[in-house]
Amino acid sequence: MSNTKNLGWKEIPEGGLIIEAGNAAKYETGSWRSVRPVRDEKKCTNCLICWVYCPDSSILVSDGKIKNIDYSHCKGCGICATECPVKAIEMVDEKEFNK
């Protein structure tokens, strides 16, 4: 039952079930956010603790350094800001970016 595309409503499993492994990248969930993480590059030590704790894999890393944040998938949970030991990440109201 890995494909629900052609199933009728009676054949689809009840809500809350993940029936297709590895499909999270297909769904952009960033629009759920009310606050977004903003990283201060000057404060950041690239310890990657935010990357380790991010439940959405939204901290983008290359060559052992944080390059960006994937705002298409970041839900704004704030775990990255909470776990950052140097407080280089601030959660900013999304309204500041949608003016």
Protein backbone atom coordinates (compact mmCIF):
# COMPACT_ATOMS: atom_id res chain seq x y z
CA MET A 1 0.00 0.00 0.00
CA SER A 2 2.79 2.45 -0.83
CA ASN A 3 0.73 4.52 -3.27
CA THR A 4 -2.52 6.19 -2.18
CA LYS A 5 -2.82 8.29 -5.33
CA ASN A 6 -5.48 6.13 -6.97
CA LEU A 7 -7.24 4.84 -3.88
CA GLY A 8 -10.75 5.81 -2.91
CA TRP A 9 -11.45 7.29 0.52
CA LYS A 10 -12.56 3.92 1.92
CA GLU A 11 -9.24 2.30 0.98
CA ILE A 12 -6.93 4.96 2.44
CA PRO A 13 -5.71 4.13 5.99
CA GLU A 14 -6.95 6.24 8.89
CA GLY A 15 -5.16 9.55 9.53
CA GLY A 16 -1.81 9.71 11.24
CA LEU A 17 -0.27 6.80 9.37
CA ILE A 18 2.82 7.11 7.23
CA ILE A 19 2.40 4.56 4.49
CA GLU A 20 5.26 5.64 2.25
CA ALA A 21 8.73 5.86 3.77
CA GLY A 22 10.98 8.80 2.95
CA ASN A 23 8.32 11.07 1.49
CA ALA A 24 8.80 14.16 3.70
CA ALA A 25 10.90 15.99 1.09
CA LYS A 26 7.88 16.02 -1.25
CA TYR A 27 5.83 18.16 1.14
CA GLU A 28 6.80 21.78 1.69
CA THR A 29 5.61 22.59 5.20
CA GLY A 30 7.29 25.96 5.69
CA SER A 31 3.97 27.79 5.30
CA TRP A 32 2.96 26.41 8.72
CA ARG A 33 5.51 28.67 10.38
CA SER A 34 4.62 31.76 12.45
CA VAL A 35 8.26 32.45 13.40
CA ARG A 36 11.45 31.65 11.50
CA PRO A 37 15.02 31.02 12.61
CA VAL A 38 17.48 33.70 11.58
CA ARG A 39 21.16 32.86 12.01
CA ASP A 40 23.74 35.49 12.89
CA GLU A 41 26.73 34.37 10.82
CA LYS A 42 29.13 36.41 12.95
CA LYS A 43 28.08 34.64 16.17
CA CYS A 44 27.79 31.18 14.64
CA THR A 45 30.69 28.83 15.38
CA ASN A 46 29.46 26.10 12.99
CA CYS A 47 29.25 23.60 15.84
CA LEU A 48 26.33 21.99 13.93
CA ILE A 49 24.27 21.38 17.07
CA CYS A 50 21.30 23.04 15.34
CA TRP A 51 21.74 20.63 12.42
CA VAL A 52 21.78 17.63 14.76
CA TYR A 53 18.58 18.67 16.57
CA CYS A 54 16.53 19.99 13.62
CA PRO A 55 13.60 17.56 13.19
CA ASP A 56 13.00 18.74 9.62
CA SER A 57 16.57 18.56 8.27
CA SER A 58 16.22 22.25 7.43
CA ILE A 59 19.75 23.28 8.41
CA LEU A 60 21.76 23.04 5.21
CA VAL A 61 25.42 22.12 5.66
CA SER A 62 28.28 21.90 3.18
CA ASP A 63 31.94 21.21 3.93
CA GLY A 64 31.21 21.12 7.67
CA LYS A 65 29.68 24.60 7.74
CA ILE A 66 26.14 25.88 7.86
CA LYS A 67 25.27 27.36 4.49
CA ASN A 68 21.60 28.20 4.83
CA ILE A 69 18.22 27.25 6.24
CA ASP A 70 15.66 25.45 4.09
CA TYR A 71 12.62 27.62 4.77
CA SER A 72 10.46 25.49 2.48
CA HIS A 73 10.53 22.70 5.08
CA CYS A 74 11.29 24.55 8.34
CA LYS A 75 8.17 24.65 10.53
CA GLY A 76 9.60 27.23 12.94
CA CYS A 77 9.70 24.96 15.98
CA GLY A 78 12.65 26.86 17.48
CA ILE A 79 14.64 23.81 18.57
CA CYS A 80 17.66 25.13 16.66
CA ALA A 81 17.55 28.44 18.54
CA THR A 82 17.04 26.71 21.89
CA GLU A 83 19.94 24.31 21.40
CA CYS A 84 22.42 26.84 19.94
CA PRO A 85 25.13 27.22 22.62
CA VAL A 86 26.18 30.69 21.43
CA LYS A 87 22.63 31.97 20.77
CA ALA A 88 23.42 32.65 17.10
CA ILE A 89 19.84 31.82 16.05
CA GLU A 90 16.94 34.11 16.81
CA MET A 91 13.30 33.27 16.16
CA VAL A 92 11.76 36.20 14.28
CA ASP A 93 8.06 36.79 13.63
CA GLU A 94 7.19 35.69 10.11
CA LYS A 95 5.31 38.98 9.57
CA GLU A 96 8.70 40.69 9.34
CA PHE A 97 9.36 38.82 6.09
CA ASN A 98 5.90 39.05 4.51
CA LYS A 99 5.58 42.83 4.24
